[in-house]
């Protein structure tokens, strides 16, 4: 059975452009896949605990040697990873902040990139992915300017290559992205960018 994991990273809640675009896409995708499941995960700033020293110590302790407190510290991370392994389709909906990802989305990434959970490592073989490569990943994002290829701001888009790269490191290389840029432009231009993104997502949803 197909399962879509929808990760919403905007701190703006109901006012989020990417959240609204992602919700619309997920609804249309579900129409085309009526037997599928949509699991929506809110990654707002108060939803994800970033790793601290105690978390790091717990993570670096052998699973069979962890105490109850250490296991509790890793519960959220373990849950995130279980969702990632289970999903067949993953949508990341996020604004671009200062040319990159918001801190709460980075905290989520730091929770899912874990040795022997989502990637392997040995001195002999180096690094290797542990997430199935047959999953699909879609990044839906918004930004202040136009960061498309060939524009003056294209080189400042660090969000797209980061999300593409970190998930590819884990094994997910089937990547697509749709952006609603120009949100600092005059209202008619900003609204047109969102409308174009919504149309592209609508066309993608039945075939993705």
Foldseek 3Di string as FASTA:
>chain_A
DAEEEEEEEDQPPPPDLLVVLSVLLVVLLCVLVVVYYYHYDYLHPVRFDADDPLQVVLLPDPPVPHDPVSCVSLVVLVVLLVVQQPHQEYEYGAEQDQLAGDPSVVSNLNSPPGDPRQWHADPVPGIGADHEQNHAYEYEYEEQADLDPPDPNVVSNPHVVVVCVSVVSNRHNRYYYQYQYNCNPPPVNSVVSSVVSSVVSSVVSNPD
